[in-house]
């Protein structure tokens, strides 16, 4: 099993797919890495030599912000917004949608499970 950026990537999948298991590397970054190192698209991780894995590891460490560093940066950005007290920061603080979605209905992912209101009865006609 190849270990890159602190993540065990699956060995039986194609390199393009298995690089996506690293937080911060998506389809485009995986494709860029493979083209920079001239690794064919159909090559699987278990077919890579130790030398190629080392090159991938060095390239990712040098050119990309991944895993812990990226998570820390995103958390610091959100914390900065919350400390400023701007609108987006307040929405993060309250656990509500940040980007203008409606909350009268929906938004259950951010708001959590619906809480029943005592004394409210269903209106039947």
C-alpha atoms as a PDB file:
ATOM      1  CA  UNK A   1       0.000   0.000   0.000  1.00  0.00           C
ATOM      2  CA  UNK A   2       1.435   3.374  -1.058  1.00  0.00           C
ATOM      3  CA  UNK A   3       1.475   6.121   1.553  1.00  0.00           C
ATOM      4  CA  UNK A   4       1.431   9.660   0.179  1.00  0.00           C
ATOM      5  CA  UNK A   5       0.913  12.815   2.288  1.00  0.00           C
ATOM      6  CA  UNK A   6      -0.010  10.687   5.296  1.00  0.00           C
ATOM      7  CA  UNK A   7      -2.769   8.808   3.447  1.00  0.00           C
ATOM      8  CA  UNK A   8      -2.774   5.154   2.425  1.00  0.00           C
ATOM      9  CA  UNK A   9      -3.988   5.249  -1.165  1.00  0.00           C
ATOM     10  CA  UNK A  10      -5.639   2.125  -2.612  1.00  0.00           C
ATOM     11  CA  UNK A  11      -3.252  -0.037  -4.622  1.00  0.00           C
ATOM     12  CA  UNK A  12      -5.638  -1.754  -7.017  1.00  0.00           C
ATOM     13  CA  UNK A  13      -7.113   1.460  -8.490  1.00  0.00           C
ATOM     14  CA  UNK A  14      -5.783   3.712 -11.233  1.00  0.00           C
ATOM     15  CA  UNK A  15      -3.368   6.414 -10.143  1.00  0.00           C
ATOM     16  CA  UNK A  16      -5.765   9.172 -11.271  1.00  0.00           C
ATOM     17  CA  UNK A  17      -8.509   7.816  -9.014  1.00  0.00           C
ATOM     18  CA  UNK A  18      -6.400   6.863  -6.012  1.00  0.00           C
ATOM     19  CA  UNK A  19      -4.700  10.274  -5.768  1.00  0.00           C
ATOM     20  CA  UNK A  20      -8.145  11.760  -5.084  1.00  0.00           C
ATOM     21  CA  UNK A  21      -8.185   9.990  -1.705  1.00  0.00           C
ATOM     22  CA  UNK A  22      -5.789  12.718  -0.533  1.00  0.00           C
ATOM     23  CA  UNK A  23      -7.701  15.695   0.888  1.00  0.00           C
ATOM     24  CA  UNK A  24      -7.086  18.678  -1.387  1.00  0.00           C
ATOM     25  CA  UNK A  25      -6.429  16.731  -4.597  1.00  0.00           C
ATOM     26  CA  UNK A  26      -9.362  16.468  -6.954  1.00  0.00           C
ATOM     27  CA  UNK A  27      -9.728  15.271 -10.531  1.00  0.00           C
ATOM     28  CA  UNK A  28      -7.868  18.194 -12.112  1.00  0.00           C
ATOM     29  CA  UNK A  29      -4.936  18.159  -9.682  1.00  0.00           C
ATOM     30  CA  UNK A  30      -4.602  14.372 -10.051  1.00  0.00           C
ATOM     31  CA  UNK A  31      -4.501  14.751 -13.831  1.00  0.00           C
ATOM     32  CA  UNK A  32      -1.894  17.536 -13.555  1.00  0.00           C
ATOM     33  CA  UNK A  33       0.311  15.397 -11.309  1.00  0.00           C
ATOM     34  CA  UNK A  34       0.150  12.470 -13.741  1.00  0.00           C
ATOM     35  CA  UNK A  35       0.982  14.660 -16.750  1.00  0.00           C
ATOM     36  CA  UNK A  36       3.887  16.389 -14.973  1.00  0.00           C
ATOM     37  CA  UNK A  37       5.406  13.026 -14.067  1.00  0.00           C
ATOM     38  CA  UNK A  38       4.389  11.435 -17.425  1.00  0.00           C
ATOM     39  CA  UNK A  39       2.417   8.596 -15.795  1.00  0.00           C
ATOM     40  CA  UNK A  40      -0.104   7.037 -18.205  1.00  0.00           C
ATOM     41  CA  UNK A  41      -3.811   7.305 -17.311  1.00  0.00           C
ATOM     42  CA  UNK A  42      -4.383   3.547 -17.263  1.00  0.00           C
ATOM     43  CA  UNK A  43      -1.471   2.789 -14.874  1.00  0.00           C
ATOM     44  CA  UNK A  44      -2.471   1.303 -11.519  1.00  0.00           C
ATOM     45  CA  UNK A  45      -0.828   2.130  -8.192  1.00  0.00           C
ATOM     46  CA  UNK A  46       0.492  -1.405  -7.693  1.00  0.00           C
ATOM     47  CA  UNK A  47       2.284  -1.104 -11.060  1.00  0.00           C
ATOM     48  CA  UNK A  48       4.192   2.018  -9.953  1.00  0.00           C
ATOM     49  CA  UNK A  49       7.826   1.660  -9.004  1.00  0.00           C
ATOM     50  CA  UNK A  50       9.137   2.968  -5.675  1.00  0.00           C
ATOM     51  CA  UNK A  51      10.924   5.682  -7.612  1.00  0.00           C
ATOM     52  CA  UNK A  52       7.661   6.914  -9.205  1.00  0.00           C
ATOM     53  CA  UNK A  53       5.870   6.909  -5.846  1.00  0.00           C
ATOM     54  CA  UNK A  54       8.715   8.941  -4.376  1.00  0.00           C
ATOM     55  CA  UNK A  55       8.433  11.453  -7.250  1.00  0.00           C
ATOM     56  CA  UNK A  56       4.669  11.771  -6.676  1.00  0.00           C
ATOM     57  CA  UNK A  57       5.224  12.284  -2.939  1.00  0.00           C
ATOM     58  CA  UNK A  58       7.880  14.963  -3.531  1.00  0.00           C
ATOM     59  CA  UNK A  59       5.765  16.788  -6.136  1.00  0.00           C
ATOM     60  CA  UNK A  60       2.733  16.896  -3.839  1.00  0.00           C
ATOM     61  CA  UNK A  61       4.805  18.076  -0.860  1.00  0.00           C
ATOM     62  CA  UNK A  62       6.434  20.799  -2.960  1.00  0.00           C
ATOM     63  CA  UNK A  63       3.553  22.146  -5.088  1.00  0.00           C
ATOM     64  CA  UNK A  64       0.260  21.377  -3.329  1.00  0.00           C
ATOM     65  CA  UNK A  65      -1.305  22.210   0.029  1.00  0.00           C
ATOM     66  CA  UNK A  66      -3.010  19.035   1.208  1.00  0.00           C
ATOM     67  CA  UNK A  67      -4.388  17.208   4.257  1.00  0.00           C
ATOM     68  CA  UNK A  68      -3.555  18.809   7.620  1.00  0.00           C
ATOM     69  CA  UNK A  69      -2.179  22.087   6.276  1.00  0.00           C
ATOM     70  CA  UNK A  70      -5.226  22.645   4.071  1.00  0.00           C
ATOM     71  CA  UNK A  71      -7.711  21.698   6.812  1.00  0.00           C
ATOM     72  CA  UNK A  72      -5.914  24.033   9.249  1.00  0.00           C
ATOM     73  CA  UNK A  73      -5.980  26.896   6.733  1.00  0.00           C
ATOM     74  CA  UNK A  74      -9.709  26.468   6.076  1.00  0.00           C
ATOM     75  CA  UNK A  75     -10.452  26.315   9.812  1.00  0.00           C
ATOM     76  CA  UNK A  76      -8.417  29.484  10.359  1.00  0.00           C
ATOM     77  CA  UNK A  77     -10.296  31.275   7.552  1.00  0.00           C
ATOM     78  CA  UNK A  78     -13.648  30.385   9.150  1.00  0.00           C
ATOM     79  CA  UNK A  79     -12.373  31.363  12.607  1.00  0.00           C
ATOM     80  CA  UNK A  80     -11.214  34.721  11.203  1.00  0.00           C
ATOM     81  CA  UNK A  81     -14.689  35.383   9.779  1.00  0.00           C
ATOM     82  CA  UNK A  82     -16.268  34.475  13.113  1.00  0.00           C
ATOM     83  CA  UNK A  83     -13.878  36.743  15.057  1.00  0.00           C
ATOM     84  CA  UNK A  84     -14.564  39.660  12.721  1.00  0.00           C
ATOM     85  CA  UNK A  85     -18.280  39.320  13.361  1.00  0.00           C
ATOM     86  CA  UNK A  86     -19.165  39.750   9.713  1.00  0.00           C
ATOM     87  CA  UNK A  87     -22.359  38.274   8.297  1.00  0.00           C
ATOM     88  CA  UNK A  88     -20.695  35.084   7.059  1.00  0.00           C
ATOM     89  CA  UNK A  89     -18.980  34.663  10.411  1.00  0.00           C
ATOM     90  CA  UNK A  90     -22.290  35.002  12.265  1.00  0.00           C
ATOM     91  CA  UNK A  91     -23.884  32.391  10.015  1.00  0.00           C
ATOM     92  CA  UNK A  92     -20.996  29.999  10.736  1.00  0.00           C
ATOM     93  CA  UNK A  93     -21.316  30.693  14.461  1.00  0.00           C
ATOM     94  CA  UNK A  94     -25.054  29.927  14.452  1.00  0.00           C
ATOM     95  CA  UNK A  95     -24.678  26.866  12.234  1.00  0.00           C
ATOM     96  CA  UNK A  96     -26.882  28.248   9.485  1.00  0.00           C
ATOM     97  CA  UNK A  97     -26.307  28.287   5.703  1.00  0.00           C
ATOM     98  CA  UNK A  98     -23.638  30.825   4.781  1.00  0.00           C
ATOM     99  CA  UNK A  99     -24.238  31.442   1.089  1.00  0.00           C
ATOM    100  CA  UNK A 100     -27.742  32.867   0.957  1.00  0.00           C
ATOM    101  CA  UNK A 101     -29.840  29.702   0.818  1.00  0.00           C
ATOM    102  CA  UNK A 102     -33.393  29.834   2.141  1.00  0.00           C
ATOM    103  CA  UNK A 103     -33.980  28.590   5.670  1.00  0.00           C
ATOM    104  CA  UNK A 104     -37.761  28.867   6.039  1.00  0.00           C
ATOM    105  CA  UNK A 105     -37.957  25.389   4.587  1.00  0.00           C
ATOM    106  CA  UNK A 106     -35.040  23.042   3.934  1.00  0.00           C
ATOM    107  CA  UNK A 107     -31.514  23.716   5.319  1.00  0.00           C
ATOM    108  CA  UNK A 108     -31.891  20.595   7.489  1.00  0.00           C
ATOM    109  CA  UNK A 109     -28.275  19.585   6.935  1.00  0.00           C
ATOM    110  CA  UNK A 110     -26.995  22.755   8.588  1.00  0.00           C
ATOM    111  CA  UNK A 111     -29.796  23.283  11.127  1.00  0.00           C
ATOM    112  CA  UNK A 112     -30.045  19.699  12.335  1.00  0.00           C
ATOM    113  CA  UNK A 113     -33.113  17.585  13.008  1.00  0.00           C
ATOM    114  CA  UNK A 114     -36.430  19.473  13.158  1.00  0.00           C
ATOM    115  CA  UNK A 115     -37.593  20.258  16.692  1.00  0.00           C
ATOM    116  CA  UNK A 116     -41.321  19.978  17.441  1.00  0.00           C
ATOM    117  CA  UNK A 117     -42.980  23.094  18.851  1.00  0.00           C
ATOM    118  CA  UNK A 118     -45.126  22.471  21.955  1.00  0.00           C
ATOM    119  CA  UNK A 119     -48.774  23.476  21.657  1.00  0.00           C
ATOM    120  CA  UNK A 120     -48.781  23.735  17.877  1.00  0.00           C
ATOM    121  CA  UNK A 121     -51.568  21.710  16.294  1.00  0.00           C
ATOM    122  CA  UNK A 122     -52.090  20.687  12.704  1.00  0.00           C
ATOM    123  CA  UNK A 123     -54.838  22.565  10.945  1.00  0.00           C
ATOM    124  CA  UNK A 124     -57.321  20.253   9.192  1.00  0.00           C
ATOM    125  CA  UNK A 125     -59.976  21.355   6.739  1.00  0.00           C
END
